[in-house]
Every structure is written in C-alpha cells, then in structure tokens.
C-alpha cells in the first residue's frame, strides 16, 4: 500500500457523501459538496480529533465498532466495507498477501477454455500489473486497431493508458480510465511488490504528474463493473459494459468481459466479427 491508503479512502468517501444523502441540510457557505469532518464525526459517534488522526494516518488501527460506525455513516456499499477492513489489516507491517511471489503470467488451460466459450464477446485475462495474458478473438478484433496489441507479448493496459498517445483518442473518458488504472494498481501491496514498484517507477518517468498525482489522490478501489466508451478507429463510437471477475487467489489474475451496452454497439461488434447482426445482444435489451 502507499503511505496512508486508509486515510485517503476515508477522506475521499467522506467528501463524496452529500449532506442530503444522510439527512443533513446543505447549509450556506459550504466549501465542499461532501460531509464536513464534524458532520461525519457526529454521525459516527466519534470525536473530530480522532477522525482527523485517522485521515492523517496518525492512527491506522481503528476498532471494528468504529469502522462499522464510519461505514454506516458514509453509507458504504458491501464492497467498500470489505475494502475498508482490508486497509486496516494492511497497516500491519511484515505481511503481504502475495508473499513476494512474482506476477503470474501463466494462464491455466481451464481459464483458456472459458475464454473459448465466451466467443465472440471481447474478454481478456490480466494480472496485477495490468499485463494482457490471454484473450478471445473478439477482444483481439476489438483492441488490435487501437494499438494496445501492437506487441502482444508485452501488452499492458496501464502502460498503454499512460504511455501511448493513442489511448487518449481511443478512450474519450481518458481521465476516468486513468483513475481506474491507478486504483487497480493500488489494490494489492503496491510499492511493497518489487514488480509493481518497477512499473510505478516506469509510469512516473513516462507520465509524470498525471500518474503520480493520481497515486496520491485516488483510493485503491477500482470499479468491478461499469461502462467504458471507446472511439474505435474503424467501428466508431462504442459503449461497452464490463464485468471484472477475480480468478482464484493462486492465479492472482482477473477476467474482464465486455458486452455491448446498446444496440448500436452490438451491431458494430457484429460487424467487426464479420457476423450477421444479433450474435451479441446489448445488455440493456
């Protein structure tokens, strides 16, 4: 983890909760749309001074009742509550879930068979570095024209996003995509992992403040599902709904599956695949 992930997570979540969401009046002269520290402290039943210590990283081991009270007050989702618990465990030095193991680049035959079954949907397996390890033909047809797969043996989602100028064209919402890439990199041991630390150093040199600023301000909780927009070089504007599936811990990999989010994207993907319209249906149908 970076130096104060727990404090960063608490602060960003506090600032994302509107007073109206927790039954408080907005009031005049509010400098932030989120909750003030005093408001969250009152809702959670803790002192403002203690909340400041948590956010500043001067106390990194709040008790389970305090964590539960803060989570209730900020209306955290189940996944955010699990992440909050993990952040408190990460404050204990000397233990890493990865145990110093290098990133796994071997994809099990069963996982490759699952990819085969997912055709023609775009789907890809990545590891904690964002390295592209295996993918469906549908993913190749989708991403090859973007430049991501110019060198299939070294394709990396994080490097493409921050180091390849084409990414800013391909992703109309580049800032959001960059945020999510950083959040994903920070979900594990981060700089405590030598392989991740080397990648972070590379991206720091290549992208500078656009990368390091995000490391300092983006919480380590990437979205597991959502919609990504692509400005595809040949297929035009696409909207892709994605699902992120964690493979078993020993794999230390994720399977990302993309489906058309609207009828126009479904038709465009069928055209890329050389299929008659209807092979892939929009998820909102």
Protein backbone atom coordinates (compact mmCIF):
# COMPACT_ATOMS: atom_id res chain seq x y z
CA UNK A 1 0.00 0.00 0.00
CA UNK A 2 1.04 3.61 -0.34
CA UNK A 3 1.73 5.52 2.85
CA UNK A 4 -1.78 6.36 4.02
CA UNK A 5 -4.37 4.47 2.00
CA UNK A 6 -6.80 4.21 4.91
CA UNK A 7 -6.82 7.98 5.45
CA UNK A 8 -7.13 8.64 1.73
CA UNK A 9 -10.08 6.26 1.44
CA UNK A 10 -11.89 7.77 4.42
CA UNK A 11 -11.37 11.33 3.20
CA UNK A 12 -12.45 10.70 -0.40
CA UNK A 13 -15.52 8.77 0.67
CA UNK A 14 -16.47 11.46 3.20
CA UNK A 15 -16.17 14.11 0.51
CA UNK A 16 -18.35 12.07 -1.87
CA UNK A 17 -21.33 11.84 0.51
CA UNK A 18 -23.76 14.72 0.17
CA UNK A 19 -25.45 16.07 3.31
CA UNK A 20 -28.84 15.29 1.76
CA UNK A 21 -27.88 11.61 1.45
CA UNK A 22 -27.57 11.34 5.23
CA UNK A 23 -30.47 13.64 6.11
CA UNK A 24 -28.49 16.82 6.79
CA UNK A 25 -29.22 20.29 5.37
CA UNK A 26 -26.65 21.59 2.89
CA UNK A 27 -26.49 24.98 4.56
CA UNK A 28 -24.81 28.15 3.28
CA UNK A 29 -21.12 28.73 2.59
CA UNK A 30 -20.31 25.04 2.13
CA UNK A 31 -16.89 24.75 0.51
CA UNK A 32 -17.26 21.07 -0.32
CA UNK A 33 -20.29 19.14 -1.60
CA UNK A 34 -19.43 16.31 0.78
CA UNK A 35 -19.61 15.96 4.53
CA UNK A 36 -17.53 18.08 6.87
CA UNK A 37 -15.39 16.20 9.37
CA UNK A 38 -17.58 17.44 12.21
CA UNK A 39 -20.70 16.11 10.48
CA UNK A 40 -19.21 12.66 9.88
CA UNK A 41 -17.83 12.53 13.42
CA UNK A 42 -21.28 13.31 14.83
CA UNK A 43 -22.99 10.72 12.64
CA UNK A 44 -20.42 8.04 13.56
CA UNK A 45 -20.27 8.91 17.24
CA UNK A 46 -16.54 9.66 17.31
CA UNK A 47 -14.62 12.82 18.09
CA UNK A 48 -13.49 15.18 15.33
CA UNK A 49 -9.95 14.91 16.67
CA UNK A 50 -9.99 11.13 16.27
CA UNK A 51 -11.37 11.36 12.74
CA UNK A 52 -8.58 13.80 11.86
CA UNK A 53 -6.00 11.34 13.23
CA UNK A 54 -7.47 8.59 11.04
CA UNK A 55 -7.49 10.73 7.90
CA UNK A 56 -3.95 11.96 8.52
CA UNK A 57 -2.63 8.45 9.14
CA UNK A 58 -1.67 9.07 12.77
CA UNK A 59 -3.99 6.24 13.84
CA UNK A 60 -4.28 3.32 11.43
CA UNK A 61 -5.92 0.68 13.58
CA UNK A 62 -9.48 1.76 14.44
CA UNK A 63 -11.56 -0.80 16.28
CA UNK A 64 -14.23 -2.83 14.43
CA UNK A 65 -17.07 -0.85 16.11
CA UNK A 66 -15.53 2.43 14.91
CA UNK A 67 -15.10 1.05 11.40
CA UNK A 68 -18.70 -0.12 11.39
CA UNK A 69 -19.94 3.26 12.61
CA UNK A 70 -17.96 5.13 9.96
CA UNK A 71 -19.15 2.74 7.25
CA UNK A 72 -22.77 3.20 8.34
CA UNK A 73 -22.43 6.97 8.48
CA UNK A 74 -20.93 7.18 4.97
CA UNK A 75 -23.42 4.66 3.55
CA UNK A 76 -20.63 2.42 2.25
CA UNK A 77 -21.53 -0.43 -0.08
CA UNK A 78 -20.63 -4.02 0.89
CA UNK A 79 -17.56 -3.99 -1.37
CA UNK A 80 -16.42 -0.67 0.13
CA UNK A 81 -16.84 -2.09 3.64
CA UNK A 82 -14.71 -5.12 2.76
CA UNK A 83 -12.08 -2.80 1.29
CA UNK A 84 -12.11 -0.63 4.42
CA UNK A 85 -11.49 -3.71 6.56
CA UNK A 86 -8.61 -4.79 4.30
CA UNK A 87 -7.00 -1.36 4.56
CA UNK A 88 -6.84 -1.65 8.34
CA UNK A 89 -5.22 -5.09 8.02
CA UNK A 90 -2.71 -3.70 5.53
CA UNK A 91 -1.46 -1.34 8.24
CA UNK A 92 0.23 -4.31 9.92
CA UNK A 93 3.85 -4.43 8.70
CA UNK A 94 5.72 -7.51 7.64
CA UNK A 95 2.98 -9.38 5.78
CA UNK A 96 1.99 -9.37 2.15
CA UNK A 97 -0.77 -11.46 0.62
CA UNK A 98 1.44 -12.14 -2.40
CA UNK A 99 4.36 -13.27 -0.24
CA UNK A 100 6.83 -11.71 -2.65
CA UNK A 101 5.74 -14.00 -5.49
CA UNK A 102 6.32 -12.57 -8.97
CA UNK A 103 3.27 -11.71 -11.10
CA UNK A 104 1.70 -14.82 -12.54
CA UNK A 105 1.89 -14.81 -16.34
CA UNK A 106 0.72 -18.40 -16.88
CA UNK A 107 -2.97 -18.81 -17.71
CA UNK A 108 -4.43 -22.16 -16.75
CA UNK A 109 -5.87 -24.35 -19.53
CA UNK A 110 -9.31 -24.25 -17.90
CA UNK A 111 -9.30 -20.45 -17.98
CA UNK A 112 -8.30 -20.52 -21.65
CA UNK A 113 -11.19 -22.91 -22.27
CA UNK A 114 -13.54 -20.42 -20.59
CA UNK A 115 -12.26 -17.74 -22.96
CA UNK A 116 -13.05 -20.01 -25.90
CA UNK A 117 -16.60 -20.40 -24.60
CA UNK A 118 -17.00 -16.62 -24.37
CA UNK A 119 -16.55 -16.04 -28.11
CA UNK A 120 -17.45 -13.77 -29.80
CA UNK A 121 -17.53 -11.49 -26.74
CA UNK A 122 -14.36 -9.47 -26.09
CA UNK A 123 -12.73 -10.92 -22.95
CA UNK A 124 -9.21 -10.70 -21.57
CA UNK A 125 -7.17 -12.10 -18.68
CA UNK A 126 -4.80 -9.70 -16.91
CA UNK A 127 -2.55 -9.92 -13.85
CA UNK A 128 -1.90 -7.38 -11.11
CA UNK A 129 0.45 -5.41 -13.37
CA UNK A 130 -2.26 -4.99 -16.00
CA UNK A 131 -0.35 -7.29 -18.36
CA UNK A 132 -2.52 -8.78 -21.10
CA UNK A 133 -2.05 -12.55 -20.80
CA UNK A 134 -4.79 -14.15 -22.90
CA UNK A 135 -7.87 -13.01 -24.76
CA UNK A 136 -10.66 -14.02 -27.07
CA UNK A 137 -10.58 -13.41 -30.79
CA UNK A 138 -13.38 -10.93 -30.16
CA UNK A 139 -11.04 -8.94 -27.90
CA UNK A 140 -8.26 -9.09 -30.49
CA UNK A 141 -10.57 -7.78 -33.21
CA UNK A 142 -11.75 -5.02 -30.89
CA UNK A 143 -8.41 -3.85 -29.47
CA UNK A 144 -5.87 -4.62 -32.20
CA UNK A 145 -6.77 -1.48 -34.21
CA UNK A 146 -6.32 0.69 -31.08
CA UNK A 147 -2.62 -0.13 -30.75
CA UNK A 148 -2.85 -1.98 -27.42
CA UNK A 149 -1.81 -5.26 -29.03
CA UNK A 150 0.98 -3.93 -31.29
CA UNK A 151 3.32 -6.26 -29.38
CA UNK A 152 1.11 -8.99 -27.91
CA UNK A 153 3.98 -10.30 -25.78
CA UNK A 154 4.32 -7.04 -23.85
CA UNK A 155 0.80 -5.58 -23.97
CA UNK A 156 -0.06 -3.83 -20.72
CA UNK A 157 -3.25 -1.87 -20.00
CA UNK A 158 -1.55 0.54 -17.59
CA UNK A 159 1.37 1.28 -19.90
CA UNK A 160 -0.93 1.75 -22.89
CA UNK A 161 -3.16 4.16 -20.95
CA UNK A 162 -0.36 6.39 -19.69
CA UNK A 163 2.44 5.95 -22.23
CA UNK A 164 0.69 5.69 -25.59
CA UNK A 165 -0.78 8.88 -27.05
CA UNK A 166 -3.36 6.81 -28.95
CA UNK A 167 -5.04 5.91 -25.64
CA UNK A 168 -6.28 9.48 -25.23
CA UNK A 169 -8.07 9.19 -28.55
CA UNK A 170 -9.35 5.66 -28.02
CA UNK A 171 -10.75 6.47 -24.56
CA UNK A 172 -12.95 9.61 -24.74
CA UNK A 173 -13.15 9.43 -20.94
CA UNK A 174 -9.39 9.09 -20.57
CA UNK A 175 -9.23 10.80 -17.18
CA UNK A 176 -11.69 8.32 -15.71
CA UNK A 177 -9.93 5.35 -17.32
CA UNK A 178 -6.60 6.59 -15.92
CA UNK A 179 -8.16 6.88 -12.46
CA UNK A 180 -9.35 3.29 -12.64
CA UNK A 181 -5.97 2.02 -13.85
CA UNK A 182 -4.24 3.60 -10.86
CA UNK A 183 -6.90 2.30 -8.46
CA UNK A 184 -6.36 -1.23 -9.82
CA UNK A 185 -2.57 -1.00 -9.41
CA UNK A 186 -3.00 0.13 -5.81
CA UNK A 187 -5.35 -2.69 -4.81
CA UNK A 188 -2.52 -5.05 -3.92
CA UNK A 189 0.69 -4.48 -1.97
CA UNK A 190 1.59 -1.70 -4.45
CA UNK A 191 5.17 -0.45 -3.89
CA UNK A 192 5.85 -3.29 -1.46
CA UNK A 193 5.70 -5.55 -4.53
CA UNK A 194 9.00 -5.16 -6.46
CA UNK A 195 7.33 -5.82 -9.83
CA UNK A 196 4.62 -3.24 -9.21
CA UNK A 197 7.18 -0.78 -7.85
CA UNK A 198 9.21 -1.12 -11.07
CA UNK A 199 6.10 -0.45 -13.16
CA UNK A 200 5.22 2.55 -10.96
CA UNK A 201 8.72 3.95 -11.48
CA UNK A 202 8.36 3.49 -15.24
CA UNK A 203 4.99 5.25 -15.33
CA UNK A 204 6.31 8.03 -13.09
CA UNK A 205 9.04 8.75 -15.61
CA UNK A 206 6.79 8.40 -18.66
CA UNK A 207 3.66 10.19 -17.43
CA UNK A 208 4.92 12.38 -14.59
CA UNK A 209 2.34 14.27 -12.55
CA UNK A 210 -0.61 12.80 -14.45
CA UNK A 211 0.34 9.46 -12.92
CA UNK A 212 1.87 10.47 -9.57
CA UNK A 213 -0.96 12.90 -8.82
CA UNK A 214 -3.42 10.04 -9.15
CA UNK A 215 -1.33 7.77 -6.95
CA UNK A 216 -1.57 10.40 -4.22
CA UNK A 217 -5.29 11.06 -4.54
CA UNK A 218 -7.09 8.00 -5.99
CA UNK A 219 -8.30 5.38 -3.47
CA UNK A 220 -7.29 1.79 -4.09
CA UNK A 221 -10.75 0.55 -5.08
CA UNK A 222 -11.29 0.08 -8.80
CA UNK A 223 -14.76 -0.36 -10.24
CA UNK A 224 -15.61 -4.00 -10.87
CA UNK A 225 -18.36 -3.18 -13.33
CA UNK A 226 -19.46 -0.23 -15.42
CA UNK A 227 -19.47 1.14 -18.95
CA UNK A 228 -16.39 2.10 -20.98
CA UNK A 229 -16.61 4.32 -24.06
CA UNK A 230 -14.32 3.67 -27.00
CA UNK A 231 -13.69 5.83 -30.04
CA UNK A 232 -12.78 2.88 -32.20
CA UNK A 233 -10.60 3.54 -35.26
CA UNK A 234 -12.86 1.51 -37.56
CA UNK A 235 -16.10 0.79 -35.68
CA UNK A 236 -16.72 4.32 -34.42
CA UNK A 237 -18.25 5.21 -31.05
CA UNK A 238 -18.79 2.18 -28.82
CA UNK A 239 -20.24 1.75 -25.35
CA UNK A 240 -19.08 -1.44 -23.64
CA UNK A 241 -20.45 -2.77 -20.37
CA UNK A 242 -17.73 -4.63 -18.48
CA UNK A 243 -17.62 -7.18 -15.69
CA UNK A 244 -14.46 -7.95 -13.72
CA UNK A 245 -14.21 -11.49 -12.40
CA UNK A 246 -11.49 -12.37 -9.88
CA UNK A 247 -9.89 -15.74 -10.54
CA UNK A 248 -8.71 -17.88 -7.59
CA UNK A 249 -6.09 -16.30 -5.34
CA UNK A 250 -3.38 -18.68 -6.57
CA UNK A 251 -3.90 -17.34 -10.10
CA UNK A 252 -3.66 -13.70 -8.98
CA UNK A 253 -5.45 -12.74 -12.21
CA UNK A 254 -8.70 -11.20 -13.37
CA UNK A 255 -11.01 -11.97 -16.26
CA UNK A 256 -12.57 -8.89 -17.87
CA UNK A 257 -15.59 -9.46 -20.11
CA UNK A 258 -17.06 -6.75 -22.34
CA UNK A 259 -20.59 -6.70 -23.73
CA UNK A 260 -22.34 -4.11 -25.90
CA UNK A 261 -24.16 -1.57 -23.76
CA UNK A 262 -26.52 -0.51 -26.54
CA UNK A 263 -27.91 -1.77 -29.84
CA UNK A 264 -25.59 0.36 -31.96
CA UNK A 265 -22.53 -1.11 -30.23
CA UNK A 266 -23.91 -4.64 -30.63
CA UNK A 267 -24.25 -4.08 -34.37
CA UNK A 268 -20.76 -2.57 -34.59
CA UNK A 269 -19.19 -5.53 -32.76
CA UNK A 270 -21.00 -7.99 -35.01
CA UNK A 271 -19.58 -6.12 -38.00
CA UNK A 272 -16.06 -6.30 -36.53
CA UNK A 273 -16.54 -10.03 -36.03
CA UNK A 274 -17.82 -10.48 -39.57
CA UNK A 275 -21.10 -11.84 -38.24
CA UNK A 276 -24.69 -11.12 -39.03
CA UNK A 277 -26.26 -8.70 -36.53
CA UNK A 278 -27.57 -10.48 -33.45
CA UNK A 279 -24.56 -12.54 -32.38
CA UNK A 280 -24.02 -10.18 -29.45
CA UNK A 281 -27.06 -8.62 -27.79
CA UNK A 282 -26.96 -5.35 -25.90
CA UNK A 283 -27.13 -5.91 -22.15
CA UNK A 284 -29.94 -3.36 -21.76
CA UNK A 285 -32.24 -5.23 -24.14
